[in-house]
Amino acid sequence: MRRGDETALAALFESHHDRLRRWVEHRLDARLRGRLSASDVLQEVYLAAAQRLDHFRERPDMPFSVWVRLLADQRLIDAHRRHLGAEARDAGREVAIDRAGPTTSAANLAARLAGDLTSPSQAAMRHEVHELLVQTIEAMDPLDRDVLSLRHFDELTNDEVAQLLGIPKGTASKRYVRALGRLREILEQVPGLLDHTA
């Protein structure tokens, strides 16, 4: 692909498709879901990748997984500006978890975590856990939230997170450990929860 082979691009893009789709779905503003799907955005990302192969070849140290997410972020920013106009946020000041609006808010991240941590039979516990998680995540440094989301939900490696956020690898690792530690402190307040998820 670094030699400009679009057939290789198609194969590599397909191998990242599922993870990239989840990335887009988690960041697509809920107000756009009737007009725009994750598939629409992925088509635009693929076209952008095909047009910008030269850009990728000029950055031999950048993994494809990071590069394609940067393209996806740009397509999401463009979509939010195009469809939401003045309601869209100033993309220049935003990073990762906050980039695409309310679907990646603390409440959304908490709902995803609570769903992972509780079973359907623990509905009452899930509500309590959700409320605790929202409070904890809102109190976190935004960079810690970003790292947590990228590592836990987007399944990126520590190196990929560091490159995507433009921070040293050691910082990404420390931020992730700190965020997990804070979550564990909160979850230990719910009797029996961590016993069910161990």
C-alpha atoms as a PDB file:
ATOM      1  CA  MET A   1       0.000   0.000   0.000  1.00  0.00           C
ATOM      2  CA  ARG A   2       2.896   2.364   0.692  1.00  0.00           C
ATOM      3  CA  ARG A   3       3.736   1.982  -3.008  1.00  0.00           C
ATOM      4  CA  GLY A   4       0.271   3.298  -3.931  1.00  0.00           C
ATOM      5  CA  ASP A   5      -1.478  -0.023  -4.592  1.00  0.00           C
ATOM      6  CA  GLU A   6      -5.213   0.654  -4.171  1.00  0.00           C
ATOM      7  CA  THR A   7      -5.934  -3.090  -4.099  1.00  0.00           C
ATOM      8  CA  ALA A   8      -3.753  -3.332  -1.013  1.00  0.00           C
ATOM      9  CA  LEU A   9      -5.590  -0.315   0.434  1.00  0.00           C
ATOM     10  CA  ALA A  10      -8.942  -2.074  -0.014  1.00  0.00           C
ATOM     11  CA  ALA A  11      -7.699  -5.199   1.774  1.00  0.00           C
ATOM     12  CA  LEU A  12      -6.138  -3.247   4.638  1.00  0.00           C
ATOM     13  CA  PHE A  13      -9.194  -1.022   5.027  1.00  0.00           C
ATOM     14  CA  GLU A  14     -11.420  -4.109   5.172  1.00  0.00           C
ATOM     15  CA  SER A  15      -9.265  -5.633   7.915  1.00  0.00           C
ATOM     16  CA  HIS A  16      -9.885  -2.503  10.043  1.00  0.00           C
ATOM     17  CA  HIS A  17     -13.527  -2.081   9.011  1.00  0.00           C
ATOM     18  CA  ASP A  18     -15.288  -3.379  12.147  1.00  0.00           C
ATOM     19  CA  ARG A  19     -13.158  -1.461  14.623  1.00  0.00           C
ATOM     20  CA  LEU A  20     -13.357   1.663  12.491  1.00  0.00           C
ATOM     21  CA  ARG A  21     -17.137   1.347  12.237  1.00  0.00           C
ATOM     22  CA  ARG A  22     -17.414   1.219  16.043  1.00  0.00           C
ATOM     23  CA  TRP A  23     -15.116   4.253  16.212  1.00  0.00           C
ATOM     24  CA  VAL A  24     -17.444   6.216  13.927  1.00  0.00           C
ATOM     25  CA  GLU A  25     -20.668   5.010  15.591  1.00  0.00           C
ATOM     26  CA  HIS A  26     -19.417   6.123  19.014  1.00  0.00           C
ATOM     27  CA  ARG A  27     -18.594   9.594  17.718  1.00  0.00           C
ATOM     28  CA  LEU A  28     -21.470  10.309  15.363  1.00  0.00           C
ATOM     29  CA  ASP A  29     -23.766  12.929  16.849  1.00  0.00           C
ATOM     30  CA  ALA A  30     -27.184  11.473  17.685  1.00  0.00           C
ATOM     31  CA  ARG A  31     -28.839  14.378  15.843  1.00  0.00           C
ATOM     32  CA  LEU A  32     -27.359  13.097  12.576  1.00  0.00           C
ATOM     33  CA  ARG A  33     -28.402   9.469  12.819  1.00  0.00           C
ATOM     34  CA  GLY A  34     -31.495   9.932  10.677  1.00  0.00           C
ATOM     35  CA  ARG A  35     -29.497  11.577   7.896  1.00  0.00           C
ATOM     36  CA  LEU A  36     -26.106   9.929   8.062  1.00  0.00           C
ATOM     37  CA  SER A  37     -24.943   6.417   8.920  1.00  0.00           C
ATOM     38  CA  ALA A  38     -21.586   5.059   9.963  1.00  0.00           C
ATOM     39  CA  SER A  39     -21.448   3.345   6.556  1.00  0.00           C
ATOM     40  CA  ASP A  40     -21.796   6.726   4.820  1.00  0.00           C
ATOM     41  CA  VAL A  41     -18.891   8.095   6.833  1.00  0.00           C
ATOM     42  CA  LEU A  42     -16.759   5.006   6.164  1.00  0.00           C
ATOM     43  CA  GLN A  43     -17.287   5.403   2.427  1.00  0.00           C
ATOM     44  CA  GLU A  44     -16.008   8.957   2.680  1.00  0.00           C
ATOM     45  CA  VAL A  45     -13.048   7.780   4.767  1.00  0.00           C
ATOM     46  CA  TYR A  46     -12.139   5.170   2.159  1.00  0.00           C
ATOM     47  CA  LEU A  47     -12.297   7.734  -0.647  1.00  0.00           C
ATOM     48  CA  ALA A  48     -10.148  10.126   1.377  1.00  0.00           C
ATOM     49  CA  ALA A  49      -7.623   7.345   2.041  1.00  0.00           C
ATOM     50  CA  ALA A  50      -7.424   6.504  -1.673  1.00  0.00           C
ATOM     51  CA  GLN A  51      -6.869  10.165  -2.530  1.00  0.00           C
ATOM     52  CA  ARG A  52      -4.254  10.659   0.182  1.00  0.00           C
ATOM     53  CA  LEU A  53      -2.014   7.620  -0.233  1.00  0.00           C
ATOM     54  CA  ASP A  54       0.890   9.989  -0.869  1.00  0.00           C
ATOM     55  CA  HIS A  55       0.310  11.484   2.568  1.00  0.00           C
ATOM     56  CA  PHE A  56       0.453   8.033   4.168  1.00  0.00           C
ATOM     57  CA  ARG A  57       3.642   7.119   2.287  1.00  0.00           C
ATOM     58  CA  GLU A  58       5.294  10.290   3.575  1.00  0.00           C
ATOM     59  CA  ARG A  59       4.751   9.112   7.161  1.00  0.00           C
ATOM     60  CA  PRO A  60       6.444   5.693   7.326  1.00  0.00           C
ATOM     61  CA  ASP A  61       6.368   5.568  11.139  1.00  0.00           C
ATOM     62  CA  MET A  62       2.607   6.061  11.388  1.00  0.00           C
ATOM     63  CA  PRO A  63       0.544   2.865  11.666  1.00  0.00           C
ATOM     64  CA  PHE A  64      -2.373   2.556   9.271  1.00  0.00           C
ATOM     65  CA  SER A  65      -4.769   2.196  12.228  1.00  0.00           C
ATOM     66  CA  VAL A  66      -3.827   5.676  13.484  1.00  0.00           C
ATOM     67  CA  TRP A  67      -3.765   7.311  10.053  1.00  0.00           C
ATOM     68  CA  VAL A  68      -7.201   6.013   9.071  1.00  0.00           C
ATOM     69  CA  ARG A  69      -8.696   7.209  12.376  1.00  0.00           C
ATOM     70  CA  LEU A  70      -7.290  10.671  11.764  1.00  0.00           C
ATOM     71  CA  LEU A  71      -9.061  10.606   8.387  1.00  0.00           C
ATOM     72  CA  ALA A  72     -12.251   9.369  10.062  1.00  0.00           C
ATOM     73  CA  ASP A  73     -12.058  12.182  12.619  1.00  0.00           C
ATOM     74  CA  GLN A  74     -11.767  14.734   9.834  1.00  0.00           C
ATOM     75  CA  ARG A  75     -14.750  13.251   7.981  1.00  0.00           C
ATOM     76  CA  LEU A  76     -16.794  13.360  11.210  1.00  0.00           C
ATOM     77  CA  ILE A  77     -15.842  16.979  11.839  1.00  0.00           C
ATOM     78  CA  ASP A  78     -16.821  17.843   8.268  1.00  0.00           C
ATOM     79  CA  ALA A  79     -20.133  15.983   8.621  1.00  0.00           C
ATOM     80  CA  HIS A  80     -20.988  17.775  11.851  1.00  0.00           C
ATOM     81  CA  ARG A  81     -20.193  21.152  10.330  1.00  0.00           C
ATOM     82  CA  ARG A  82     -22.109  20.360   7.151  1.00  0.00           C
ATOM     83  CA  HIS A  83     -25.241  19.044   8.867  1.00  0.00           C
ATOM     84  CA  LEU A  84     -25.297  20.973  12.128  1.00  0.00           C
ATOM     85  CA  GLY A  85     -23.787  24.260  11.015  1.00  0.00           C
ATOM     86  CA  ALA A  86     -23.532  26.727  13.866  1.00  0.00           C
ATOM     87  CA  GLU A  87     -24.534  24.035  16.355  1.00  0.00           C
ATOM     88  CA  ALA A  88     -21.319  22.115  15.680  1.00  0.00           C
ATOM     89  CA  ARG A  89     -18.428  22.600  18.045  1.00  0.00           C
ATOM     90  CA  ASP A  90     -15.193  24.346  17.174  1.00  0.00           C
ATOM     91  CA  ALA A  91     -13.229  21.311  15.988  1.00  0.00           C
ATOM     92  CA  GLY A  92      -9.896  23.018  16.433  1.00  0.00           C
ATOM     93  CA  ARG A  93     -10.205  22.868  20.226  1.00  0.00           C
ATOM     94  CA  GLU A  94     -11.462  19.299  20.519  1.00  0.00           C
ATOM     95  CA  VAL A  95      -9.816  15.892  20.777  1.00  0.00           C
ATOM     96  CA  ALA A  96     -10.896  12.278  20.614  1.00  0.00           C
ATOM     97  CA  ILE A  97     -13.768  11.605  23.029  1.00  0.00           C
ATOM     98  CA  ASP A  98     -15.271  15.099  22.801  1.00  0.00           C
ATOM     99  CA  ARG A  99     -14.665  15.559  19.101  1.00  0.00           C
ATOM    100  CA  ALA A 100     -17.995  14.417  17.740  1.00  0.00           C
ATOM    101  CA  GLY A 101     -20.463  15.693  20.294  1.00  0.00           C
ATOM    102  CA  PRO A 102     -22.926  14.225  22.746  1.00  0.00           C
ATOM    103  CA  THR A 103     -22.667  10.568  21.758  1.00  0.00           C
ATOM    104  CA  THR A 104     -19.200  10.536  23.314  1.00  0.00           C
ATOM    105  CA  SER A 105     -20.164  12.421  26.460  1.00  0.00           C
ATOM    106  CA  ALA A 106     -19.431  11.231  29.982  1.00  0.00           C
ATOM    107  CA  ALA A 107     -22.990   9.856  30.142  1.00  0.00           C
ATOM    108  CA  ASN A 108     -22.485   7.849  26.957  1.00  0.00           C
ATOM    109  CA  LEU A 109     -19.133   6.483  28.101  1.00  0.00           C
ATOM    110  CA  ALA A 110     -20.662   5.622  31.487  1.00  0.00           C
ATOM    111  CA  ALA A 111     -23.553   3.791  29.821  1.00  0.00           C
ATOM    112  CA  ARG A 112     -21.142   1.723  27.772  1.00  0.00           C
ATOM    113  CA  LEU A 113     -19.050   0.886  30.836  1.00  0.00           C
ATOM    114  CA  ALA A 114     -22.091   0.075  32.974  1.00  0.00           C
ATOM    115  CA  GLY A 115     -23.395  -2.233  30.260  1.00  0.00           C
ATOM    116  CA  ASP A 116     -20.069  -4.062  30.205  1.00  0.00           C
ATOM    117  CA  LEU A 117     -19.969  -4.388  33.981  1.00  0.00           C
ATOM    118  CA  THR A 118     -23.512  -5.529  34.723  1.00  0.00           C
ATOM    119  CA  SER A 119     -25.733  -8.293  33.443  1.00  0.00           C
ATOM    120  CA  PRO A 120     -29.397  -7.863  32.382  1.00  0.00           C
ATOM    121  CA  SER A 121     -30.449  -9.358  35.734  1.00  0.00           C
ATOM    122  CA  GLN A 122     -28.641  -6.542  37.541  1.00  0.00           C
ATOM    123  CA  ALA A 123     -30.772  -3.685  36.177  1.00  0.00           C
ATOM    124  CA  ALA A 124     -31.080  -1.867  39.513  1.00  0.00           C
ATOM    125  CA  MET A 125     -27.354  -2.140  40.079  1.00  0.00           C
ATOM    126  CA  ARG A 126     -26.684  -0.894  36.541  1.00  0.00           C
ATOM    127  CA  HIS A 127     -28.531   2.381  37.241  1.00  0.00           C
ATOM    128  CA  GLU A 128     -26.536   2.946  40.430  1.00  0.00           C
ATOM    129  CA  VAL A 129     -23.283   2.103  38.650  1.00  0.00           C
ATOM    130  CA  HIS A 130     -24.179   4.396  35.753  1.00  0.00           C
ATOM    131  CA  GLU A 131     -24.736   7.364  38.066  1.00  0.00           C
ATOM    132  CA  LEU A 132     -21.442   6.755  39.873  1.00  0.00           C
ATOM    133  CA  LEU A 133     -19.594   6.391  36.578  1.00  0.00           C
ATOM    134  CA  VAL A 134     -21.048   9.610  35.129  1.00  0.00           C
ATOM    135  CA  GLN A 135     -19.884  11.574  38.164  1.00  0.00           C
ATOM    136  CA  THR A 136     -16.435   9.973  38.066  1.00  0.00           C
ATOM    137  CA  ILE A 137     -15.916  10.399  34.319  1.00  0.00           C
ATOM    138  CA  GLU A 138     -17.084  14.027  34.380  1.00  0.00           C
ATOM    139  CA  ALA A 139     -14.515  14.723  37.111  1.00  0.00           C
ATOM    140  CA  MET A 140     -11.674  13.148  35.099  1.00  0.00           C
ATOM    141  CA  ASP A 141      -9.143  15.138  33.159  1.00  0.00           C
ATOM    142  CA  PRO A 142     -10.358  15.148  29.519  1.00  0.00           C
ATOM    143  CA  LEU A 143      -7.136  13.484  28.385  1.00  0.00           C
ATOM    144  CA  ASP A 144      -7.689  10.628  30.862  1.00  0.00           C
ATOM    145  CA  ARG A 145     -11.205  10.167  29.430  1.00  0.00           C
ATOM    146  CA  ASP A 146      -9.802  10.112  25.914  1.00  0.00           C
ATOM    147  CA  VAL A 147      -7.193   7.501  26.758  1.00  0.00           C
ATOM    148  CA  LEU A 148      -9.748   5.360  28.594  1.00  0.00           C
ATOM    149  CA  SER A 149     -12.173   5.427  25.690  1.00  0.00           C
ATOM    150  CA  LEU A 150      -9.516   4.764  23.045  1.00  0.00           C
ATOM    151  CA  ARG A 151      -7.961   1.867  24.937  1.00  0.00           C
ATOM    152  CA  HIS A 152     -11.119   0.267  26.322  1.00  0.00           C
ATOM    153  CA  PHE A 153     -13.700   0.752  23.565  1.00  0.00           C
ATOM    154  CA  ASP A 154     -11.719   1.434  20.434  1.00  0.00           C
ATOM    155  CA  GLU A 155      -9.255  -1.326  21.340  1.00  0.00           C
ATOM    156  CA  LEU A 156      -6.225   0.722  20.347  1.00  0.00           C
ATOM    157  CA  THR A 157      -2.801  -0.162  21.631  1.00  0.00           C
ATOM    158  CA  ASN A 158      -0.911   2.155  23.939  1.00  0.00           C
ATOM    159  CA  ASP A 159       1.356   3.157  21.030  1.00  0.00           C
ATOM    160  CA  GLU A 160      -1.635   3.933  18.795  1.00  0.00           C
ATOM    161  CA  VAL A 161      -3.278   6.046  21.497  1.00  0.00           C
ATOM    162  CA  ALA A 162      -0.055   7.981  22.037  1.00  0.00           C
ATOM    163  CA  GLN A 163       0.293   8.711  18.317  1.00  0.00           C
ATOM    164  CA  LEU A 164      -3.354   9.627  17.884  1.00  0.00           C
ATOM    165  CA  LEU A 165      -3.365  12.057  20.798  1.00  0.00           C
ATOM    166  CA  GLY A 166       0.154  13.344  20.164  1.00  0.00           C
ATOM    167  CA  ILE A 167       1.461  12.427  23.617  1.00  0.00           C
ATOM    168  CA  PRO A 168       4.435  10.319  24.768  1.00  0.00           C
ATOM    169  CA  LYS A 169       3.819   6.573  25.149  1.00  0.00           C
ATOM    170  CA  GLY A 170       4.637   6.724  28.845  1.00  0.00           C
ATOM    171  CA  THR A 171       2.044   9.446  29.353  1.00  0.00           C
ATOM    172  CA  ALA A 172      -0.634   7.413  27.562  1.00  0.00           C
ATOM    173  CA  SER A 173       0.130   4.404  29.732  1.00  0.00           C
ATOM    174  CA  LYS A 174       0.107   6.408  32.992  1.00  0.00           C
ATOM    175  CA  ARG A 175      -3.149   8.145  32.041  1.00  0.00           C
ATOM    176  CA  TYR A 176      -4.828   4.799  31.318  1.00  0.00           C
ATOM    177  CA  VAL A 177      -3.679   3.257  34.605  1.00  0.00           C
ATOM    178  CA  ARG A 178      -4.793   6.375  36.497  1.00  0.00           C
ATOM    179  CA  ALA A 179      -8.241   6.352  34.847  1.00  0.00           C
ATOM    180  CA  LEU A 180      -8.719   2.645  35.572  1.00  0.00           C
ATOM    181  CA  GLY A 181      -7.631   3.131  39.166  1.00  0.00           C
ATOM    182  CA  ARG A 182     -10.140   5.935  39.675  1.00  0.00           C
ATOM    183  CA  LEU A 183     -12.929   3.834  38.168  1.00  0.00           C
ATOM    184  CA  ARG A 184     -12.029   0.887  40.374  1.00  0.00           C
ATOM    185  CA  GLU A 185     -12.160   3.086  43.500  1.00  0.00           C
ATOM    186  CA  ILE A 186     -15.700   4.113  42.563  1.00  0.00           C
ATOM    187  CA  LEU A 187     -16.875   0.644  41.575  1.00  0.00           C
ATOM    188  CA  GLU A 188     -15.611  -0.821  44.850  1.00  0.00           C
ATOM    189  CA  GLN A 189     -18.317   1.281  46.519  1.00  0.00           C
ATOM    190  CA  VAL A 190     -20.983  -0.957  44.950  1.00  0.00           C
ATOM    191  CA  PRO A 191     -21.147  -4.121  47.080  1.00  0.00           C
ATOM    192  CA  GLY A 192     -20.588  -7.296  45.073  1.00  0.00           C
ATOM    193  CA  LEU A 193     -20.171  -5.594  41.697  1.00  0.00           C
ATOM    194  CA  LEU A 194     -16.538  -6.468  41.114  1.00  0.00           C
ATOM    195  CA  ASP A 195     -17.195 -10.006  42.343  1.00  0.00           C
ATOM    196  CA  HIS A 196     -19.639 -10.417  39.422  1.00  0.00           C
ATOM    197  CA  THR A 197     -17.193  -9.048  36.867  1.00  0.00           C
ATOM    198  CA  ALA A 198     -13.930 -10.636  37.978  1.00  0.00           C
END
